[in-house]
């Protein structure tokens, strides 16, 4: 099965965001050793957070260009496309 470039970009952005999300959360809290204080990593947290937001934005934008004429659709856009504006409104 061949993958279109739009789906490849979308899949790459989603997988990158899936990896970056836990890293951003882990860097915020850090992990302390027993008997030691918990350390935070603000630079890593901020960098991973910006990267996560960028990947989510890329995933949402690329989702607008994924078309499928085999499923029930309106002009090639499936009902899943309706979720893209809702993702943006959450930010």
C-alpha atoms as a PDB file:
ATOM      1  CA  UNK A   1       0.000   0.000   0.000  1.00  0.00           C
ATOM      2  CA  UNK A   2       1.364   3.371  -0.971  1.00  0.00           C
ATOM      3  CA  UNK A   3       0.995   6.322   1.355  1.00  0.00           C
ATOM      4  CA  UNK A   4       0.327   9.813   0.052  1.00  0.00           C
ATOM      5  CA  UNK A   5       2.775  12.543   1.117  1.00  0.00           C
ATOM      6  CA  UNK A   6       0.055  14.339   3.090  1.00  0.00           C
ATOM      7  CA  UNK A   7      -0.656  11.231   5.154  1.00  0.00           C
ATOM      8  CA  UNK A   8       3.089  10.693   5.688  1.00  0.00           C
ATOM      9  CA  UNK A   9       3.479  14.252   7.019  1.00  0.00           C
ATOM     10  CA  UNK A  10       0.402  13.839   9.211  1.00  0.00           C
ATOM     11  CA  UNK A  11       1.571  10.499  10.600  1.00  0.00           C
ATOM     12  CA  UNK A  12       5.073  11.809  11.281  1.00  0.00           C
ATOM     13  CA  UNK A  13       3.727  14.858  13.123  1.00  0.00           C
ATOM     14  CA  UNK A  14       1.344  12.774  15.216  1.00  0.00           C
ATOM     15  CA  UNK A  15       4.019  10.241  16.183  1.00  0.00           C
ATOM     16  CA  UNK A  16       6.458  13.034  17.058  1.00  0.00           C
ATOM     17  CA  UNK A  17       3.817  14.703  19.246  1.00  0.00           C
ATOM     18  CA  UNK A  18       3.107  11.346  20.881  1.00  0.00           C
ATOM     19  CA  UNK A  19       6.771  11.075  21.864  1.00  0.00           C
ATOM     20  CA  UNK A  20       7.229  14.739  22.834  1.00  0.00           C
ATOM     21  CA  UNK A  21       4.201  14.976  25.126  1.00  0.00           C
ATOM     22  CA  UNK A  22       5.498  12.681  27.887  1.00  0.00           C
ATOM     23  CA  UNK A  23       8.975  14.228  27.594  1.00  0.00           C
ATOM     24  CA  UNK A  24       7.530  17.701  28.208  1.00  0.00           C
ATOM     25  CA  UNK A  25       5.568  16.467  31.198  1.00  0.00           C
ATOM     26  CA  UNK A  26       8.511  14.537  32.610  1.00  0.00           C
ATOM     27  CA  UNK A  27      10.818  17.535  32.261  1.00  0.00           C
ATOM     28  CA  UNK A  28       8.377  19.731  34.162  1.00  0.00           C
ATOM     29  CA  UNK A  29       8.219  17.497  37.185  1.00  0.00           C
ATOM     30  CA  UNK A  30      11.526  15.720  36.850  1.00  0.00           C
ATOM     31  CA  UNK A  31      12.222  12.646  38.912  1.00  0.00           C
ATOM     32  CA  UNK A  32      13.871  12.728  42.267  1.00  0.00           C
ATOM     33  CA  UNK A  33      15.903  10.078  43.993  1.00  0.00           C
ATOM     34  CA  UNK A  34      14.595   8.809  47.331  1.00  0.00           C
ATOM     35  CA  UNK A  35      15.609  11.327  49.960  1.00  0.00           C
ATOM     36  CA  UNK A  36      16.408  14.037  47.406  1.00  0.00           C
ATOM     37  CA  UNK A  37      14.263  16.857  46.110  1.00  0.00           C
ATOM     38  CA  UNK A  38      12.511  16.661  42.774  1.00  0.00           C
ATOM     39  CA  UNK A  39      14.344  18.624  40.104  1.00  0.00           C
ATOM     40  CA  UNK A  40      12.662  20.462  37.271  1.00  0.00           C
ATOM     41  CA  UNK A  41      14.156  21.094  33.860  1.00  0.00           C
ATOM     42  CA  UNK A  42      12.562  24.329  32.587  1.00  0.00           C
ATOM     43  CA  UNK A  43      14.589  24.575  29.361  1.00  0.00           C
ATOM     44  CA  UNK A  44      13.839  21.012  28.300  1.00  0.00           C
ATOM     45  CA  UNK A  45      10.206  21.451  29.342  1.00  0.00           C
ATOM     46  CA  UNK A  46       9.852  24.618  27.283  1.00  0.00           C
ATOM     47  CA  UNK A  47      11.649  23.206  24.221  1.00  0.00           C
ATOM     48  CA  UNK A  48       9.618  19.991  24.273  1.00  0.00           C
ATOM     49  CA  UNK A  49       6.435  22.000  24.818  1.00  0.00           C
ATOM     50  CA  UNK A  50       7.064  24.263  21.847  1.00  0.00           C
ATOM     51  CA  UNK A  51       7.950  21.257  19.704  1.00  0.00           C
ATOM     52  CA  UNK A  52       4.773  19.465  20.847  1.00  0.00           C
ATOM     53  CA  UNK A  53       2.577  22.452  19.980  1.00  0.00           C
ATOM     54  CA  UNK A  54       4.283  22.767  16.587  1.00  0.00           C
ATOM     55  CA  UNK A  55       3.738  19.082  15.812  1.00  0.00           C
ATOM     56  CA  UNK A  56       0.085  19.261  16.877  1.00  0.00           C
ATOM     57  CA  UNK A  57      -0.443  22.314  14.680  1.00  0.00           C
ATOM     58  CA  UNK A  58       1.204  20.531  11.749  1.00  0.00           C
ATOM     59  CA  UNK A  59      -0.975  17.467  12.375  1.00  0.00           C
ATOM     60  CA  UNK A  60      -4.134  19.586  12.453  1.00  0.00           C
ATOM     61  CA  UNK A  61      -3.201  21.511   9.307  1.00  0.00           C
ATOM     62  CA  UNK A  62      -2.204  18.406   7.392  1.00  0.00           C
ATOM     63  CA  UNK A  63      -5.462  16.709   8.403  1.00  0.00           C
ATOM     64  CA  UNK A  64      -7.326  19.349   6.410  1.00  0.00           C
ATOM     65  CA  UNK A  65      -5.689  18.088   3.228  1.00  0.00           C
ATOM     66  CA  UNK A  66      -6.409  14.390   3.734  1.00  0.00           C
ATOM     67  CA  UNK A  67      -9.226  13.535   1.353  1.00  0.00           C
ATOM     68  CA  UNK A  68     -11.160  10.274   0.941  1.00  0.00           C
ATOM     69  CA  UNK A  69     -13.862   9.760  -1.634  1.00  0.00           C
ATOM     70  CA  UNK A  70     -14.732   6.181  -0.591  1.00  0.00           C
ATOM     71  CA  UNK A  71     -16.173   7.013   2.842  1.00  0.00           C
ATOM     72  CA  UNK A  72     -19.315   9.109   3.337  1.00  0.00           C
ATOM     73  CA  UNK A  73     -18.113  12.633   2.617  1.00  0.00           C
ATOM     74  CA  UNK A  74     -18.931  16.141   1.509  1.00  0.00           C
ATOM     75  CA  UNK A  75     -16.611  17.228  -1.334  1.00  0.00           C
ATOM     76  CA  UNK A  76     -14.042  14.650  -0.236  1.00  0.00           C
ATOM     77  CA  UNK A  77     -13.979  15.726   3.406  1.00  0.00           C
ATOM     78  CA  UNK A  78     -15.018  13.030   5.869  1.00  0.00           C
ATOM     79  CA  UNK A  79     -16.715  13.688   9.223  1.00  0.00           C
ATOM     80  CA  UNK A  80     -13.313  13.402  10.951  1.00  0.00           C
ATOM     81  CA  UNK A  81     -12.284  16.674   9.306  1.00  0.00           C
ATOM     82  CA  UNK A  82     -14.816  18.463  11.511  1.00  0.00           C
ATOM     83  CA  UNK A  83     -12.509  17.862  14.478  1.00  0.00           C
ATOM     84  CA  UNK A  84      -9.726  20.085  13.089  1.00  0.00           C
ATOM     85  CA  UNK A  85     -11.335  23.448  14.019  1.00  0.00           C
ATOM     86  CA  UNK A  86     -12.244  22.042  17.422  1.00  0.00           C
ATOM     87  CA  UNK A  87      -8.607  21.202  18.079  1.00  0.00           C
ATOM     88  CA  UNK A  88      -7.610  24.779  17.308  1.00  0.00           C
ATOM     89  CA  UNK A  89     -10.284  26.214  19.597  1.00  0.00           C
ATOM     90  CA  UNK A  90      -8.789  24.313  22.532  1.00  0.00           C
ATOM     91  CA  UNK A  91      -5.610  26.366  22.245  1.00  0.00           C
END
